[in-house]
């Protein structure tokens, strides 16, 4: 779940930055992380739905998710 949350949060940061037209500040990233946490991690129905979805998709397996994180880190380091 932590890997999926990290990937989702990174996408939210990128989308919010693209919408704003510039990179988010540290405070904006913290605010976004708090909102994400409130919507998913502190909501039993949303958390249960996320876990159920992860169980139904092969791409949500541990090795696949670690590969996504590694690929993402490699791209970020090359920028």
PDB file of N, CA and C in Angstrom:
ATOM      1  N   UNK A   1       0.823  -1.195   0.000  1.00  0.00           N
ATOM      2  CA  UNK A   1       0.000   0.000   0.000  1.00  0.00           C
ATOM      3  C   UNK A   1       0.866   1.258   0.000  1.00  0.00           C
ATOM      4  N   UNK A   2       1.988   1.216   0.701  1.00  0.00           N
ATOM      5  CA  UNK A   2       2.848   2.396   0.773  1.00  0.00           C
ATOM      6  C   UNK A   2       3.420   2.743  -0.600  1.00  0.00           C
ATOM      7  N   UNK A   3       3.769   1.727  -1.380  1.00  0.00           N
ATOM      8  CA  UNK A   3       4.323   1.984  -2.714  1.00  0.00           C
ATOM      9  C   UNK A   3       3.262   2.619  -3.604  1.00  0.00           C
ATOM     10  N   UNK A   4       2.061   2.083  -3.562  1.00  0.00           N
ATOM     11  CA  UNK A   4       0.968   2.631  -4.374  1.00  0.00           C
ATOM     12  C   UNK A   4       0.678   4.064  -3.956  1.00  0.00           C
ATOM     13  N   UNK A   5       0.638   4.318  -2.666  1.00  0.00           N
ATOM     14  CA  UNK A   5       0.395   5.680  -2.189  1.00  0.00           C
ATOM     15  C   UNK A   5       1.494   6.632  -2.645  1.00  0.00           C
ATOM     16  N   UNK A   6       2.734   6.171  -2.641  1.00  0.00           N
ATOM     17  CA  UNK A   6       3.839   7.004  -3.106  1.00  0.00           C
ATOM     18  C   UNK A   6       3.678   7.334  -4.590  1.00  0.00           C
ATOM     19  N   UNK A   7       3.352   6.327  -5.393  1.00  0.00           N
ATOM     20  CA  UNK A   7       3.162   6.556  -6.830  1.00  0.00           C
ATOM     21  C   UNK A   7       2.000   7.509  -7.096  1.00  0.00           C
ATOM     22  N   UNK A   8       0.911   7.313  -6.386  1.00  0.00           N
ATOM     23  CA  UNK A   8      -0.255   8.183  -6.575  1.00  0.00           C
ATOM     24  C   UNK A   8       0.076   9.606  -6.157  1.00  0.00           C
ATOM     25  N   UNK A   9       0.730   9.759  -5.004  1.00  0.00           N
ATOM     26  CA  UNK A   9       1.060  11.094  -4.524  1.00  0.00           C
ATOM     27  C   UNK A   9       1.999  11.808  -5.496  1.00  0.00           C
ATOM     28  N   UNK A  10       2.974  11.091  -6.041  1.00  0.00           N
ATOM     29  CA  UNK A  10       3.875  11.698  -7.023  1.00  0.00           C
ATOM     30  C   UNK A  10       3.104  12.173  -8.251  1.00  0.00           C
ATOM     31  N   UNK A  11       2.137  11.375  -8.685  1.00  0.00           N
ATOM     32  CA  UNK A  11       1.318  11.784  -9.831  1.00  0.00           C
ATOM     33  C   UNK A  11       0.466  13.002  -9.490  1.00  0.00           C
ATOM     34  N   UNK A  12      -0.063  13.038  -8.279  1.00  0.00           N
ATOM     35  CA  UNK A  12      -0.842  14.205  -7.857  1.00  0.00           C
ATOM     36  C   UNK A  12       0.017  15.464  -7.840  1.00  0.00           C
ATOM     37  N   UNK A  13       1.244  15.345  -7.358  1.00  0.00           N
ATOM     38  CA  UNK A  13       2.166  16.491  -7.328  1.00  0.00           C
ATOM     39  C   UNK A  13       2.463  16.965  -8.748  1.00  0.00           C
ATOM     40  N   UNK A  14       2.731  16.015  -9.645  1.00  0.00           N
ATOM     41  CA  UNK A  14       3.011  16.385 -11.034  1.00  0.00           C
ATOM     42  C   UNK A  14       1.808  17.049 -11.688  1.00  0.00           C
ATOM     43  N   UNK A  15       0.630  16.496 -11.457  1.00  0.00           N
ATOM     44  CA  UNK A  15      -0.581  17.063 -12.054  1.00  0.00           C
ATOM     45  C   UNK A  15      -0.867  18.454 -11.496  1.00  0.00           C
ATOM     46  N   UNK A  16      -0.723  18.619 -10.197  1.00  0.00           N
ATOM     47  CA  UNK A  16      -0.962  19.931  -9.586  1.00  0.00           C
ATOM     48  C   UNK A  16       0.061  20.948 -10.076  1.00  0.00           C
ATOM     49  N   UNK A  17       1.310  20.521 -10.229  1.00  0.00           N
ATOM     50  CA  UNK A  17       2.341  21.415 -10.754  1.00  0.00           C
ATOM     51  C   UNK A  17       2.060  21.809 -12.189  1.00  0.00           C
ATOM     52  N   UNK A  18       1.614  20.853 -12.995  1.00  0.00           N
ATOM     53  CA  UNK A  18       1.283  21.146 -14.389  1.00  0.00           C
ATOM     54  C   UNK A  18       0.103  22.101 -14.470  1.00  0.00           C
ATOM     55  N   UNK A  19      -0.870  21.899 -13.609  1.00  0.00           N
ATOM     56  CA  UNK A  19      -2.037  22.773 -13.598  1.00  0.00           C
ATOM     57  C   UNK A  19      -1.644  24.184 -13.164  1.00  0.00           C
ATOM     58  N   UNK A  20      -0.734  24.279 -12.215  1.00  0.00           N
ATOM     59  CA  UNK A  20      -0.275  25.578 -11.710  1.00  0.00           C
ATOM     60  C   UNK A  20       0.676  26.249 -12.698  1.00  0.00           C
ATOM     61  N   UNK A  21       1.371  25.434 -13.496  1.00  0.00           N
ATOM     62  CA  UNK A  21       2.322  25.977 -14.454  1.00  0.00           C
ATOM     63  C   UNK A  21       3.729  26.094 -13.911  1.00  0.00           C
ATOM     64  N   UNK A  22       3.945  25.587 -12.702  1.00  0.00           N
ATOM     65  CA  UNK A  22       5.282  25.594 -12.091  1.00  0.00           C
ATOM     66  C   UNK A  22       5.311  24.557 -10.980  1.00  0.00           C
ATOM     67  N   UNK A  23       6.519  24.247 -10.527  1.00  0.00           N
ATOM     68  CA  UNK A  23       6.670  23.249  -9.465  1.00  0.00           C
ATOM     69  C   UNK A  23       6.003  23.726  -8.183  1.00  0.00           C
ATOM     70  N   UNK A  24       5.460  22.772  -7.433  1.00  0.00           N
ATOM     71  CA  UNK A  24       4.826  23.110  -6.158  1.00  0.00           C
ATOM     72  C   UNK A  24       5.885  23.423  -5.108  1.00  0.00           C
ATOM     73  N   UNK A  25       5.552  24.330  -4.219  1.00  0.00           N
ATOM     74  CA  UNK A  25       6.433  24.641  -3.101  1.00  0.00           C
ATOM     75  C   UNK A  25       6.370  23.508  -2.079  1.00  0.00           C
ATOM     76  N   UNK A  26       7.279  23.535  -1.146  1.00  0.00           N
ATOM     77  CA  UNK A  26       7.277  22.529  -0.085  1.00  0.00           C
ATOM     78  C   UNK A  26       5.943  22.553   0.663  1.00  0.00           C
ATOM     79  N   UNK A  27       5.461  23.739   1.018  1.00  0.00           N
ATOM     80  CA  UNK A  27       4.190  23.849   1.746  1.00  0.00           C
ATOM     81  C   UNK A  27       3.020  23.309   0.934  1.00  0.00           C
ATOM     82  N   UNK A  28       3.032  23.546  -0.365  1.00  0.00           N
ATOM     83  CA  UNK A  28       1.964  23.018  -1.224  1.00  0.00           C
ATOM     84  C   UNK A  28       2.021  21.496  -1.293  1.00  0.00           C
ATOM     85  N   UNK A  29       3.223  20.937  -1.314  1.00  0.00           N
ATOM     86  CA  UNK A  29       3.369  19.477  -1.310  1.00  0.00           C
ATOM     87  C   UNK A  29       2.872  18.882   0.003  1.00  0.00           C
ATOM     88  N   UNK A  30       3.178  19.540   1.105  1.00  0.00           N
ATOM     89  CA  UNK A  30       2.716  19.066   2.414  1.00  0.00           C
ATOM     90  C   UNK A  30       1.193  19.108   2.466  1.00  0.00           C
ATOM     91  N   UNK A  31       0.605  20.192   1.987  1.00  0.00           N
ATOM     92  CA  UNK A  31      -0.856  20.314   1.971  1.00  0.00           C
ATOM     93  C   UNK A  31      -1.477  19.214   1.129  1.00  0.00           C
ATOM     94  N   UNK A  32      -0.888  18.937  -0.024  1.00  0.00           N
ATOM     95  CA  UNK A  32      -1.392  17.881  -0.897  1.00  0.00           C
ATOM     96  C   UNK A  32      -1.270  16.511  -0.232  1.00  0.00           C
ATOM     97  N   UNK A  33      -0.157  16.273   0.447  1.00  0.00           N
ATOM     98  CA  UNK A  33       0.032  14.997   1.159  1.00  0.00           C
ATOM     99  C   UNK A  33      -1.007  14.838   2.258  1.00  0.00           C
ATOM    100  N   UNK A  34      -1.294  15.904   2.978  1.00  0.00           N
ATOM    101  CA  UNK A  34      -2.312  15.844   4.043  1.00  0.00           C
ATOM    102  C   UNK A  34      -3.696  15.568   3.471  1.00  0.00           C
ATOM    103  N   UNK A  35      -4.019  16.210   2.362  1.00  0.00           N
ATOM    104  CA  UNK A  35      -5.322  15.977   1.732  1.00  0.00           C
ATOM    105  C   UNK A  35      -5.448  14.542   1.249  1.00  0.00           C
ATOM    106  N   UNK A  36      -4.384  14.030   0.611  1.00  0.00           N
ATOM    107  CA  UNK A  36      -4.395  12.646   0.135  1.00  0.00           C
ATOM    108  C   UNK A  36      -4.573  11.689   1.313  1.00  0.00           C
ATOM    109  N   UNK A  37      -3.819  11.920   2.355  1.00  0.00           N
ATOM    110  CA  UNK A  37      -3.890  11.062   3.537  1.00  0.00           C
ATOM    111  C   UNK A  37      -5.296  11.075   4.136  1.00  0.00           C
ATOM    112  N   UNK A  38      -5.878  12.249   4.221  1.00  0.00           N
ATOM    113  CA  UNK A  38      -7.226  12.376   4.778  1.00  0.00           C
ATOM    114  C   UNK A  38      -8.245  11.634   3.926  1.00  0.00           C
ATOM    115  N   UNK A  39      -8.116  11.740   2.604  1.00  0.00           N
ATOM    116  CA  UNK A  39      -9.078  11.115   1.690  1.00  0.00           C
ATOM    117  C   UNK A  39      -8.948   9.602   1.625  1.00  0.00           C
ATOM    118  N   UNK A  40      -7.728   9.093   1.741  1.00  0.00           N
ATOM    119  CA  UNK A  40      -7.543   7.650   1.579  1.00  0.00           C
ATOM    120  C   UNK A  40      -7.220   6.959   2.890  1.00  0.00           C
ATOM    121  N   UNK A  41      -6.135   7.348   3.505  1.00  0.00           N
ATOM    122  CA  UNK A  41      -5.624   6.609   4.651  1.00  0.00           C
ATOM    123  C   UNK A  41      -6.487   6.734   5.901  1.00  0.00           C
ATOM    124  N   UNK A  42      -7.259   7.806   6.004  1.00  0.00           N
ATOM    125  CA  UNK A  42      -8.108   7.988   7.178  1.00  0.00           C
ATOM    126  C   UNK A  42      -9.576   7.738   6.871  1.00  0.00           C
ATOM    127  N   UNK A  43      -9.834   7.065   5.768  1.00  0.00           N
ATOM    128  CA  UNK A  43     -11.197   6.717   5.383  1.00  0.00           C
ATOM    129  C   UNK A  43     -11.264   5.211   5.169  1.00  0.00           C
ATOM    130  N   UNK A  44     -11.893   4.514   6.087  1.00  0.00           N
ATOM    131  CA  UNK A  44     -11.981   3.056   5.967  1.00  0.00           C
ATOM    132  C   UNK A  44     -12.605   2.606   4.650  1.00  0.00           C
ATOM    133  N   UNK A  45     -13.714   3.207   4.192  1.00  0.00           N
ATOM    134  CA  UNK A  45     -14.285   2.758   2.915  1.00  0.00           C
ATOM    135  C   UNK A  45     -13.308   2.951   1.747  1.00  0.00           C
ATOM    136  N   UNK A  46     -12.616   4.102   1.694  1.00  0.00           N
ATOM    137  CA  UNK A  46     -11.668   4.346   0.608  1.00  0.00           C
ATOM    138  C   UNK A  46     -10.462   3.423   0.713  1.00  0.00           C
ATOM    139  N   UNK A  47      -9.979   3.204   1.911  1.00  0.00           N
ATOM    140  CA  UNK A  47      -8.844   2.317   2.124  1.00  0.00           C
ATOM    141  C   UNK A  47      -9.189   0.882   1.736  1.00  0.00           C
ATOM    142  N   UNK A  48     -10.367   0.429   2.134  1.00  0.00           N
ATOM    143  CA  UNK A  48     -10.808  -0.920   1.775  1.00  0.00           C
ATOM    144  C   UNK A  48     -10.950  -1.075   0.263  1.00  0.00           C
ATOM    145  N   UNK A  49     -11.475  -0.047  -0.391  1.00  0.00           N
ATOM    146  CA  UNK A  49     -11.628  -0.077  -1.844  1.00  0.00           C
ATOM    147  C   UNK A  49     -10.259  -0.155  -2.517  1.00  0.00           C
ATOM    148  N   UNK A  50      -9.302   0.625  -2.035  1.00  0.00           N
ATOM    149  CA  UNK A  50      -7.953   0.599  -2.604  1.00  0.00           C
ATOM    150  C   UNK A  50      -7.325  -0.785  -2.443  1.00  0.00           C
ATOM    151  N   UNK A  51      -7.447  -1.370  -1.279  1.00  0.00           N
ATOM    152  CA  UNK A  51      -6.885  -2.704  -1.046  1.00  0.00           C
ATOM    153  C   UNK A  51      -7.540  -3.741  -1.949  1.00  0.00           C
ATOM    154  N   UNK A  52      -8.849  -3.637  -2.114  1.00  0.00           N
ATOM    155  CA  UNK A  52      -9.562  -4.570  -2.989  1.00  0.00           C
ATOM    156  C   UNK A  52      -9.098  -4.427  -4.436  1.00  0.00           C
ATOM    157  N   UNK A  53      -8.936  -3.187  -4.884  1.00  0.00           N
ATOM    158  CA  UNK A  53      -8.461  -2.950  -6.249  1.00  0.00           C
ATOM    159  C   UNK A  53      -7.058  -3.507  -6.442  1.00  0.00           C
ATOM    160  N   UNK A  54      -6.194  -3.335  -5.459  1.00  0.00           N
ATOM    161  CA  UNK A  54      -4.825  -3.835  -5.555  1.00  0.00           C
ATOM    162  C   UNK A  54      -4.795  -5.352  -5.656  1.00  0.00           C
ATOM    163  N   UNK A  55      -5.719  -6.013  -5.001  1.00  0.00           N
ATOM    164  CA  UNK A  55      -5.769  -7.479  -5.036  1.00  0.00           C
ATOM    165  C   UNK A  55      -6.236  -8.021  -6.388  1.00  0.00           C
ATOM    166  N   UNK A  56      -6.911  -7.189  -7.181  1.00  0.00           N
ATOM    167  CA  UNK A  56      -7.463  -7.646  -8.459  1.00  0.00           C
ATOM    168  C   UNK A  56      -6.579  -7.356  -9.660  1.00  0.00           C
ATOM    169  N   UNK A  57      -5.519  -6.579  -9.485  1.00  0.00           N
ATOM    170  CA  UNK A  57      -4.676  -6.196 -10.610  1.00  0.00           C
ATOM    171  C   UNK A  57      -3.276  -6.762 -10.451  1.00  0.00           C
ATOM    172  N   UNK A  58      -2.828  -7.590 -11.420  1.00  0.00           N
ATOM    173  CA  UNK A  58      -1.479  -8.161 -11.336  1.00  0.00           C
ATOM    174  C   UNK A  58      -0.388  -7.097 -11.283  1.00  0.00           C
ATOM    175  N   UNK A  59      -0.622  -5.946 -11.892  1.00  0.00           N
ATOM    176  CA  UNK A  59       0.386  -4.882 -11.883  1.00  0.00           C
ATOM    177  C   UNK A  59       0.592  -4.293 -10.496  1.00  0.00           C
ATOM    178  N   UNK A  60      -0.270  -4.643  -9.560  1.00  0.00           N
ATOM    179  CA  UNK A  60      -0.149  -4.132  -8.187  1.00  0.00           C
ATOM    180  C   UNK A  60       0.667  -5.076  -7.309  1.00  0.00           C
ATOM    181  N   UNK A  61       1.320  -6.071  -7.909  1.00  0.00           N
ATOM    182  CA  UNK A  61       2.178  -6.974  -7.145  1.00  0.00           C
ATOM    183  C   UNK A  61       3.429  -6.254  -6.665  1.00  0.00           C
ATOM    184  N   UNK A  62       4.029  -6.766  -5.615  1.00  0.00           N
ATOM    185  CA  UNK A  62       5.180  -6.116  -4.990  1.00  0.00           C
ATOM    186  C   UNK A  62       6.322  -5.883  -5.975  1.00  0.00           C
ATOM    187  N   UNK A  63       6.696  -6.893  -6.724  1.00  0.00           N
ATOM    188  CA  UNK A  63       7.830  -6.762  -7.649  1.00  0.00           C
ATOM    189  C   UNK A  63       7.530  -5.758  -8.771  1.00  0.00           C
ATOM    190  N   UNK A  64       6.317  -5.772  -9.266  1.00  0.00           N
ATOM    191  CA  UNK A  64       5.931  -4.828 -10.313  1.00  0.00           C
ATOM    192  C   UNK A  64       5.965  -3.388  -9.788  1.00  0.00           C
ATOM    193  N   UNK A  65       5.449  -3.209  -8.577  1.00  0.00           N
ATOM    194  CA  UNK A  65       5.435  -1.865  -7.997  1.00  0.00           C
ATOM    195  C   UNK A  65       6.843  -1.361  -7.687  1.00  0.00           C
ATOM    196  N   UNK A  66       7.698  -2.253  -7.200  1.00  0.00           N
ATOM    197  CA  UNK A  66       9.086  -1.855  -6.937  1.00  0.00           C
ATOM    198  C   UNK A  66       9.781  -1.476  -8.244  1.00  0.00           C
ATOM    199  N   UNK A  67       9.472  -2.189  -9.304  1.00  0.00           N
ATOM    200  CA  UNK A  67      10.027  -1.851 -10.613  1.00  0.00           C
ATOM    201  C   UNK A  67       9.588  -0.472 -11.076  1.00  0.00           C
ATOM    202  N   UNK A  68       8.317  -0.147 -10.834  1.00  0.00           N
ATOM    203  CA  UNK A  68       7.817   1.187 -11.194  1.00  0.00           C
ATOM    204  C   UNK A  68       8.544   2.267 -10.409  1.00  0.00           C
ATOM    205  N   UNK A  69       8.723   2.045  -9.122  1.00  0.00           N
ATOM    206  CA  UNK A  69       9.441   3.024  -8.297  1.00  0.00           C
ATOM    207  C   UNK A  69      10.883   3.187  -8.754  1.00  0.00           C
ATOM    208  N   UNK A  70      11.539   2.091  -9.063  1.00  0.00           N
ATOM    209  CA  UNK A  70      12.933   2.146  -9.512  1.00  0.00           C
ATOM    210  C   UNK A  70      13.031   2.898 -10.834  1.00  0.00           C
ATOM    211  N   UNK A  71      12.117   2.618 -11.752  1.00  0.00           N
ATOM    212  CA  UNK A  71      12.124   3.314 -13.042  1.00  0.00           C
ATOM    213  C   UNK A  71      11.875   4.805 -12.850  1.00  0.00           C
ATOM    214  N   UNK A  72      10.969   5.134 -11.964  1.00  0.00           N
ATOM    215  CA  UNK A  72      10.649   6.535 -11.673  1.00  0.00           C
ATOM    216  C   UNK A  72      11.862   7.242 -11.080  1.00  0.00           C
ATOM    217  N   UNK A  73      12.549   6.585 -10.158  1.00  0.00           N
ATOM    218  CA  UNK A  73      13.729   7.177  -9.528  1.00  0.00           C
ATOM    219  C   UNK A  73      14.832   7.405 -10.564  1.00  0.00           C
ATOM    220  N   UNK A  74      14.975   6.464 -11.479  1.00  0.00           N
ATOM    221  CA  UNK A  74      16.001   6.580 -12.524  1.00  0.00           C
ATOM    222  C   UNK A  74      15.712   7.780 -13.409  1.00  0.00           C
ATOM    223  N   UNK A  75      14.460   7.970 -13.788  1.00  0.00           N
ATOM    224  CA  UNK A  75      14.073   9.119 -14.624  1.00  0.00           C
ATOM    225  C   UNK A  75      14.304  10.415 -13.866  1.00  0.00           C
ATOM    226  N   UNK A  76      13.907  10.460 -12.600  1.00  0.00           N
ATOM    227  CA  UNK A  76      14.066  11.670 -11.797  1.00  0.00           C
ATOM    228  C   UNK A  76      15.543  12.047 -11.628  1.00  0.00           C
ATOM    229  N   UNK A  77      16.416  11.048 -11.490  1.00  0.00           N
ATOM    230  CA  UNK A  77      17.845  11.335 -11.330  1.00  0.00           C
ATOM    231  C   UNK A  77      18.471  11.852 -12.609  1.00  0.00           C
ATOM    232  N   UNK A  78      17.904  11.483 -13.748  1.00  0.00           N
ATOM    233  CA  UNK A  78      18.484  11.910 -15.022  1.00  0.00           C
ATOM    234  C   UNK A  78      18.075  13.338 -15.399  1.00  0.00           C
ATOM    235  N   UNK A  79      17.182  13.935 -14.658  1.00  0.00           N
ATOM    236  CA  UNK A  79      16.726  15.313 -14.966  1.00  0.00           C
ATOM    237  C   UNK A  79      17.664  16.339 -14.424  1.00  0.00           C
TER     238      UNK A  79
END
